[in-house]
Amino acid sequence: MFYAKNLPGWERALRIVMGLAALVYAAIGWGSAGFGLAVAIGLMGAMFALTGLFGFCPMCAMVGRKPVKGR
């Protein structure tokens, strides 16, 4: 493995749920929210969902968050 997980289980689940919700909102509001806003919300949702799935957040690592114990 090339990285150490730095997100606890509850935060991973929350990021996955929030990311999927943002992706659904971007898909539903594509026409009414405007192209730029929908793309921004979709990218944010994809980022949250992927960090939740992998258990590693590069931004958290940059500010000094330590790896989760027991991994």
PDB file of N, CA and C in Angstrom:
ATOM      1  N   MET A   1       0.842  -1.175   0.000  1.00  0.00           N
ATOM      2  CA  MET A   1       0.000   0.000   0.000  1.00  0.00           C
ATOM      3  C   MET A   1       0.891   1.242   0.000  1.00  0.00           C
ATOM      4  N   PHE A   2       0.548   2.236  -0.766  1.00  0.00           N
ATOM      5  CA  PHE A   2       1.369   3.427  -0.931  1.00  0.00           C
ATOM      6  C   PHE A   2       1.008   4.555   0.020  1.00  0.00           C
ATOM      7  N   TYR A   3      -0.021   4.395   0.803  1.00  0.00           N
ATOM      8  CA  TYR A   3      -0.474   5.468   1.690  1.00  0.00           C
ATOM      9  C   TYR A   3      -0.991   4.863   2.983  1.00  0.00           C
ATOM     10  N   ALA A   4      -0.990   5.677   4.026  1.00  0.00           N
ATOM     11  CA  ALA A   4      -1.558   5.262   5.309  1.00  0.00           C
ATOM     12  C   ALA A   4      -2.903   5.952   5.466  1.00  0.00           C
ATOM     13  N   LYS A   5      -3.926   5.206   5.805  1.00  0.00           N
ATOM     14  CA  LYS A   5      -5.256   5.793   5.951  1.00  0.00           C
ATOM     15  C   LYS A   5      -5.253   6.809   7.089  1.00  0.00           C
ATOM     16  N   ASN A   6      -5.780   7.985   6.817  1.00  0.00           N
ATOM     17  CA  ASN A   6      -5.806   9.021   7.840  1.00  0.00           C
ATOM     18  C   ASN A   6      -7.224   9.496   8.157  1.00  0.00           C
ATOM     19  N   LEU A   7      -8.230   8.707   7.777  1.00  0.00           N
ATOM     20  CA  LEU A   7      -9.618   9.037   8.083  1.00  0.00           C
ATOM     21  C   LEU A   7     -10.243   7.909   8.892  1.00  0.00           C
ATOM     22  N   PRO A   8     -10.874   8.241  10.023  1.00  0.00           N
ATOM     23  CA  PRO A   8     -11.565   7.194  10.789  1.00  0.00           C
ATOM     24  C   PRO A   8     -12.813   6.712  10.046  1.00  0.00           C
ATOM     25  N   GLY A   9     -13.352   5.596  10.490  1.00  0.00           N
ATOM     26  CA  GLY A   9     -14.485   4.969   9.814  1.00  0.00           C
ATOM     27  C   GLY A   9     -15.716   5.851   9.723  1.00  0.00           C
ATOM     28  N   TRP A  10     -16.043   6.578  10.801  1.00  0.00           N
ATOM     29  CA  TRP A  10     -17.237   7.420  10.773  1.00  0.00           C
ATOM     30  C   TRP A  10     -17.077   8.553   9.768  1.00  0.00           C
ATOM     31  N   GLU A  11     -15.861   9.092   9.634  1.00  0.00           N
ATOM     32  CA  GLU A  11     -15.648  10.184   8.685  1.00  0.00           C
ATOM     33  C   GLU A  11     -15.649   9.664   7.252  1.00  0.00           C
ATOM     34  N   ARG A  12     -15.155   8.456   7.051  1.00  0.00           N
ATOM     35  CA  ARG A  12     -15.198   7.862   5.725  1.00  0.00           C
ATOM     36  C   ARG A  12     -16.638   7.685   5.262  1.00  0.00           C
ATOM     37  N   ALA A  13     -17.489   7.157   6.150  1.00  0.00           N
ATOM     38  CA  ALA A  13     -18.901   6.961   5.798  1.00  0.00           C
ATOM     39  C   ALA A  13     -19.574   8.293   5.513  1.00  0.00           C
ATOM     40  N   LEU A  14     -19.285   9.297   6.326  1.00  0.00           N
ATOM     41  CA  LEU A  14     -19.883  10.619   6.126  1.00  0.00           C
ATOM     42  C   LEU A  14     -19.437  11.230   4.801  1.00  0.00           C
ATOM     43  N   ARG A  15     -18.172  11.073   4.452  1.00  0.00           N
ATOM     44  CA  ARG A  15     -17.677  11.622   3.188  1.00  0.00           C
ATOM     45  C   ARG A  15     -18.314  10.915   1.985  1.00  0.00           C
ATOM     46  N   ILE A  16     -18.511   9.607   2.088  1.00  0.00           N
ATOM     47  CA  ILE A  16     -19.144   8.874   0.985  1.00  0.00           C
ATOM     48  C   ILE A  16     -20.578   9.338   0.791  1.00  0.00           C
ATOM     49  N   VAL A  17     -21.324   9.464   1.892  1.00  0.00           N
ATOM     50  CA  VAL A  17     -22.721   9.905   1.805  1.00  0.00           C
ATOM     51  C   VAL A  17     -22.806  11.331   1.264  1.00  0.00           C
ATOM     52  N   MET A  18     -21.968  12.222   1.784  1.00  0.00           N
ATOM     53  CA  MET A  18     -21.986  13.614   1.316  1.00  0.00           C
ATOM     54  C   MET A  18     -21.568  13.716  -0.149  1.00  0.00           C
ATOM     55  N   GLY A  19     -20.576  12.927  -0.545  1.00  0.00           N
ATOM     56  CA  GLY A  19     -20.122  12.954  -1.929  1.00  0.00           C
ATOM     57  C   GLY A  19     -21.177  12.463  -2.901  1.00  0.00           C
ATOM     58  N   LEU A  20     -21.842  11.369  -2.539  1.00  0.00           N
ATOM     59  CA  LEU A  20     -22.907  10.863  -3.407  1.00  0.00           C
ATOM     60  C   LEU A  20     -24.079  11.825  -3.475  1.00  0.00           C
ATOM     61  N   ALA A  21     -24.404  12.465  -2.343  1.00  0.00           N
ATOM     62  CA  ALA A  21     -25.487  13.454  -2.341  1.00  0.00           C
ATOM     63  C   ALA A  21     -25.143  14.637  -3.243  1.00  0.00           C
ATOM     64  N   ALA A  22     -23.901  15.086  -3.211  1.00  0.00           N
ATOM     65  CA  ALA A  22     -23.484  16.199  -4.066  1.00  0.00           C
ATOM     66  C   ALA A  22     -23.517  15.794  -5.539  1.00  0.00           C
ATOM     67  N   LEU A  23     -23.124  14.561  -5.840  1.00  0.00           N
ATOM     68  CA  LEU A  23     -23.182  14.103  -7.226  1.00  0.00           C
ATOM     69  C   LEU A  23     -24.621  14.021  -7.734  1.00  0.00           C
ATOM     70  N   VAL A  24     -25.516  13.541  -6.892  1.00  0.00           N
ATOM     71  CA  VAL A  24     -26.931  13.469  -7.277  1.00  0.00           C
ATOM     72  C   VAL A  24     -27.495  14.879  -7.467  1.00  0.00           C
ATOM     73  N   TYR A  25     -27.165  15.790  -6.562  1.00  0.00           N
ATOM     74  CA  TYR A  25     -27.638  17.174  -6.684  1.00  0.00           C
ATOM     75  C   TYR A  25     -27.123  17.814  -7.978  1.00  0.00           C
ATOM     76  N   ALA A  26     -25.858  17.562  -8.307  1.00  0.00           N
ATOM     77  CA  ALA A  26     -25.298  18.120  -9.538  1.00  0.00           C
ATOM     78  C   ALA A  26     -25.987  17.543 -10.764  1.00  0.00           C
ATOM     79  N   ALA A  27     -26.317  16.245 -10.730  1.00  0.00           N
ATOM     80  CA  ALA A  27     -26.980  15.625 -11.879  1.00  0.00           C
ATOM     81  C   ALA A  27     -28.411  16.123 -12.029  1.00  0.00           C
ATOM     82  N   ILE A  28     -29.100  16.276 -10.906  1.00  0.00           N
ATOM     83  CA  ILE A  28     -30.499  16.737 -10.966  1.00  0.00           C
ATOM     84  C   ILE A  28     -30.575  18.216 -11.328  1.00  0.00           C
ATOM     85  N   GLY A  29     -29.699  19.015 -10.745  1.00  0.00           N
ATOM     86  CA  GLY A  29     -29.756  20.459 -10.967  1.00  0.00           C
ATOM     87  C   GLY A  29     -28.915  20.947 -12.113  1.00  0.00           C
ATOM     88  N   TRP A  30     -28.541  20.048 -13.027  1.00  0.00           N
ATOM     89  CA  TRP A  30     -27.659  20.409 -14.135  1.00  0.00           C
ATOM     90  C   TRP A  30     -28.212  21.570 -14.961  1.00  0.00           C
ATOM     91  N   GLY A  31     -29.485  21.535 -15.286  1.00  0.00           N
ATOM     92  CA  GLY A  31     -30.047  22.579 -16.139  1.00  0.00           C
ATOM     93  C   GLY A  31     -30.386  23.846 -15.397  1.00  0.00           C
ATOM     94  N   SER A  32     -30.852  23.730 -14.158  1.00  0.00           N
ATOM     95  CA  SER A  32     -31.316  24.913 -13.439  1.00  0.00           C
ATOM     96  C   SER A  32     -30.200  25.631 -12.671  1.00  0.00           C
ATOM     97  N   ALA A  33     -29.184  24.914 -12.223  1.00  0.00           N
ATOM     98  CA  ALA A  33     -28.138  25.528 -11.406  1.00  0.00           C
ATOM     99  C   ALA A  33     -27.098  26.249 -12.254  1.00  0.00           C
ATOM    100  N   GLY A  34     -27.061  25.970 -13.512  1.00  0.00           N
ATOM    101  CA  GLY A  34     -26.030  26.549 -14.367  1.00  0.00           C
ATOM    102  C   GLY A  34     -24.888  25.563 -14.529  1.00  0.00           C
ATOM    103  N   PHE A  35     -24.249  25.635 -15.667  1.00  0.00           N
ATOM    104  CA  PHE A  35     -23.213  24.659 -16.005  1.00  0.00           C
ATOM    105  C   PHE A  35     -22.026  24.708 -15.041  1.00  0.00           C
ATOM    106  N   GLY A  36     -21.524  25.894 -14.761  1.00  0.00           N
ATOM    107  CA  GLY A  36     -20.337  26.027 -13.910  1.00  0.00           C
ATOM    108  C   GLY A  36     -20.570  25.545 -12.494  1.00  0.00           C
ATOM    109  N   LEU A  37     -21.708  25.907 -11.929  1.00  0.00           N
ATOM    110  CA  LEU A  37     -22.014  25.497 -10.562  1.00  0.00           C
ATOM    111  C   LEU A  37     -22.223  23.998 -10.477  1.00  0.00           C
ATOM    112  N   ALA A  38     -22.894  23.421 -11.447  1.00  0.00           N
ATOM    113  CA  ALA A  38     -23.135  21.975 -11.446  1.00  0.00           C
ATOM    114  C   ALA A  38     -21.819  21.208 -11.575  1.00  0.00           C
ATOM    115  N   VAL A  39     -20.917  21.684 -12.396  1.00  0.00           N
ATOM    116  CA  VAL A  39     -19.615  21.023 -12.544  1.00  0.00           C
ATOM    117  C   VAL A  39     -18.819  21.133 -11.248  1.00  0.00           C
ATOM    118  N   ALA A  40     -18.835  22.300 -10.622  1.00  0.00           N
ATOM    119  CA  ALA A  40     -18.102  22.484  -9.365  1.00  0.00           C
ATOM    120  C   ALA A  40     -18.652  21.583  -8.269  1.00  0.00           C
ATOM    121  N   ILE A  41     -19.959  21.502  -8.148  1.00  0.00           N
ATOM    122  CA  ILE A  41     -20.570  20.642  -7.129  1.00  0.00           C
ATOM    123  C   ILE A  41     -20.284  19.176  -7.447  1.00  0.00           C
ATOM    124  N   GLY A  42     -20.325  18.798  -8.717  1.00  0.00           N
ATOM    125  CA  GLY A  42     -20.023  17.433  -9.106  1.00  0.00           C
ATOM    126  C   GLY A  42     -18.582  17.042  -8.806  1.00  0.00           C
ATOM    127  N   LEU A  43     -17.639  17.938  -9.078  1.00  0.00           N
ATOM    128  CA  LEU A  43     -16.235  17.659  -8.774  1.00  0.00           C
ATOM    129  C   LEU A  43     -16.003  17.554  -7.267  1.00  0.00           C
ATOM    130  N   MET A  44     -16.640  18.425  -6.515  1.00  0.00           N
ATOM    131  CA  MET A  44     -16.517  18.369  -5.064  1.00  0.00           C
ATOM    132  C   MET A  44     -17.075  17.049  -4.535  1.00  0.00           C
ATOM    133  N   GLY A  45     -18.220  16.637  -5.049  1.00  0.00           N
ATOM    134  CA  GLY A  45     -18.823  15.380  -4.627  1.00  0.00           C
ATOM    135  C   GLY A  45     -17.956  14.183  -4.971  1.00  0.00           C
ATOM    136  N   ALA A  46     -17.363  14.192  -6.154  1.00  0.00           N
ATOM    137  CA  ALA A  46     -16.483  13.098  -6.548  1.00  0.00           C
ATOM    138  C   ALA A  46     -15.256  13.041  -5.651  1.00  0.00           C
ATOM    139  N   MET A  47     -14.706  14.200  -5.303  1.00  0.00           N
ATOM    140  CA  MET A  47     -13.543  14.243  -4.425  1.00  0.00           C
ATOM    141  C   MET A  47     -13.879  13.696  -3.047  1.00  0.00           C
ATOM    142  N   PHE A  48     -15.019  14.112  -2.488  1.00  0.00           N
ATOM    143  CA  PHE A  48     -15.427  13.612  -1.175  1.00  0.00           C
ATOM    144  C   PHE A  48     -15.658  12.108  -1.206  1.00  0.00           C
ATOM    145  N   ALA A  49     -16.336  11.616  -2.236  1.00  0.00           N
ATOM    146  CA  ALA A  49     -16.621  10.183  -2.314  1.00  0.00           C
ATOM    147  C   ALA A  49     -15.339   9.363  -2.462  1.00  0.00           C
ATOM    148  N   LEU A  50     -14.407   9.823  -3.267  1.00  0.00           N
ATOM    149  CA  LEU A  50     -13.160   9.081  -3.455  1.00  0.00           C
ATOM    150  C   LEU A  50     -12.294   9.089  -2.205  1.00  0.00           C
ATOM    151  N   THR A  51     -12.202  10.222  -1.515  1.00  0.00           N
ATOM    152  CA  THR A  51     -11.415  10.234  -0.282  1.00  0.00           C
ATOM    153  C   THR A  51     -12.057   9.329   0.766  1.00  0.00           C
ATOM    154  N   GLY A  52     -13.373   9.253   0.768  1.00  0.00           N
ATOM    155  CA  GLY A  52     -14.051   8.350   1.690  1.00  0.00           C
ATOM    156  C   GLY A  52     -13.812   6.893   1.348  1.00  0.00           C
ATOM    157  N   LEU A  53     -13.832   6.572   0.064  1.00  0.00           N
ATOM    158  CA  LEU A  53     -13.605   5.187  -0.354  1.00  0.00           C
ATOM    159  C   LEU A  53     -12.172   4.728  -0.063  1.00  0.00           C
ATOM    160  N   PHE A  54     -11.193   5.594  -0.320  1.00  0.00           N
ATOM    161  CA  PHE A  54      -9.801   5.225  -0.108  1.00  0.00           C
ATOM    162  C   PHE A  54      -9.364   5.368   1.345  1.00  0.00           C
ATOM    163  N   GLY A  55     -10.040   6.235   2.104  1.00  0.00           N
ATOM    164  CA  GLY A  55      -9.661   6.426   3.503  1.00  0.00           C
ATOM    165  C   GLY A  55      -8.467   7.333   3.682  1.00  0.00           C
ATOM    166  N   PHE A  56      -8.075   8.026   2.638  1.00  0.00           N
ATOM    167  CA  PHE A  56      -6.921   8.916   2.685  1.00  0.00           C
ATOM    168  C   PHE A  56      -7.297  10.263   2.102  1.00  0.00           C
ATOM    169  N   CYS A  57      -6.998  11.325   2.832  1.00  0.00           N
ATOM    170  CA  CYS A  57      -7.254  12.686   2.352  1.00  0.00           C
ATOM    171  C   CYS A  57      -5.913  13.414   2.252  1.00  0.00           C
ATOM    172  N   PRO A  58      -5.476  13.785   1.053  1.00  0.00           N
ATOM    173  CA  PRO A  58      -4.194  14.471   0.909  1.00  0.00           C
ATOM    174  C   PRO A  58      -4.148  15.807   1.642  1.00  0.00           C
ATOM    175  N   MET A  59      -5.247  16.534   1.663  1.00  0.00           N
ATOM    176  CA  MET A  59      -5.257  17.825   2.356  1.00  0.00           C
ATOM    177  C   MET A  59      -5.097  17.639   3.861  1.00  0.00           C
ATOM    178  N   CYS A  60      -5.734  16.612   4.421  1.00  0.00           N
ATOM    179  CA  CYS A  60      -5.573  16.327   5.853  1.00  0.00           C
ATOM    180  C   CYS A  60      -4.131  15.939   6.157  1.00  0.00           C
ATOM    181  N   ALA A  61      -3.500  15.191   5.255  1.00  0.00           N
ATOM    182  CA  ALA A  61      -2.107  14.799   5.454  1.00  0.00           C
ATOM    183  C   ALA A  61      -1.186  16.012   5.391  1.00  0.00           C
ATOM    184  N   MET A  62      -1.507  16.978   4.524  1.00  0.00           N
ATOM    185  CA  MET A  62      -0.671  18.165   4.395  1.00  0.00           C
ATOM    186  C   MET A  62      -0.692  19.031   5.649  1.00  0.00           C
ATOM    187  N   VAL A  63      -1.819  19.054   6.351  1.00  0.00           N
ATOM    188  CA  VAL A  63      -1.894  19.875   7.563  1.00  0.00           C
ATOM    189  C   VAL A  63      -1.481  19.111   8.807  1.00  0.00           C
ATOM    190  N   GLY A  64      -1.072  17.852   8.657  1.00  0.00           N
ATOM    191  CA  GLY A  64      -0.487  17.120   9.761  1.00  0.00           C
ATOM    192  C   GLY A  64      -1.368  16.103  10.448  1.00  0.00           C
ATOM    193  N   ARG A  65      -2.476  15.720   9.857  1.00  0.00           N
ATOM    194  CA  ARG A  65      -3.317  14.690  10.473  1.00  0.00           C
ATOM    195  C   ARG A  65      -2.575  13.357  10.426  1.00  0.00           C
ATOM    196  N   LYS A  66      -2.530  12.707  11.555  1.00  0.00           N
ATOM    197  CA  LYS A  66      -1.792  11.446  11.688  1.00  0.00           C
ATOM    198  C   LYS A  66      -2.629  10.280  11.171  1.00  0.00           C
ATOM    199  N   PRO A  67      -1.948   9.211  10.739  1.00  0.00           N
ATOM    200  CA  PRO A  67      -2.679   8.023  10.281  1.00  0.00           C
ATOM    201  C   PRO A  67      -3.535   7.421  11.395  1.00  0.00           C
ATOM    202  N   VAL A  68      -4.585   6.743  11.007  1.00  0.00           N
ATOM    203  CA  VAL A  68      -5.490   6.090  11.937  1.00  0.00           C
ATOM    204  C   VAL A  68      -4.763   4.915  12.567  1.00  0.00           C
ATOM    205  N   LYS A  69      -4.897   4.753  13.862  1.00  0.00           N
ATOM    206  CA  LYS A  69      -4.234   3.656  14.582  1.00  0.00           C
ATOM    207  C   LYS A  69      -4.856   2.317  14.186  1.00  0.00           C
ATOM    208  N   GLY A  70      -4.027   1.293  14.115  1.00  0.00           N
ATOM    209  CA  GLY A  70      -4.516  -0.050  13.827  1.00  0.00           C
ATOM    210  C   GLY A  70      -4.642  -0.358  12.350  1.00  0.00           C
ATOM    211  N   ARG A  71      -4.104   0.439  11.474  1.00  0.00           N
ATOM    212  CA  ARG A  71      -4.177   0.188  10.035  1.00  0.00           C
ATOM    213  C   ARG A  71      -2.831  -0.219   9.527  1.00  0.00           C
TER     214      ARG A  71
END
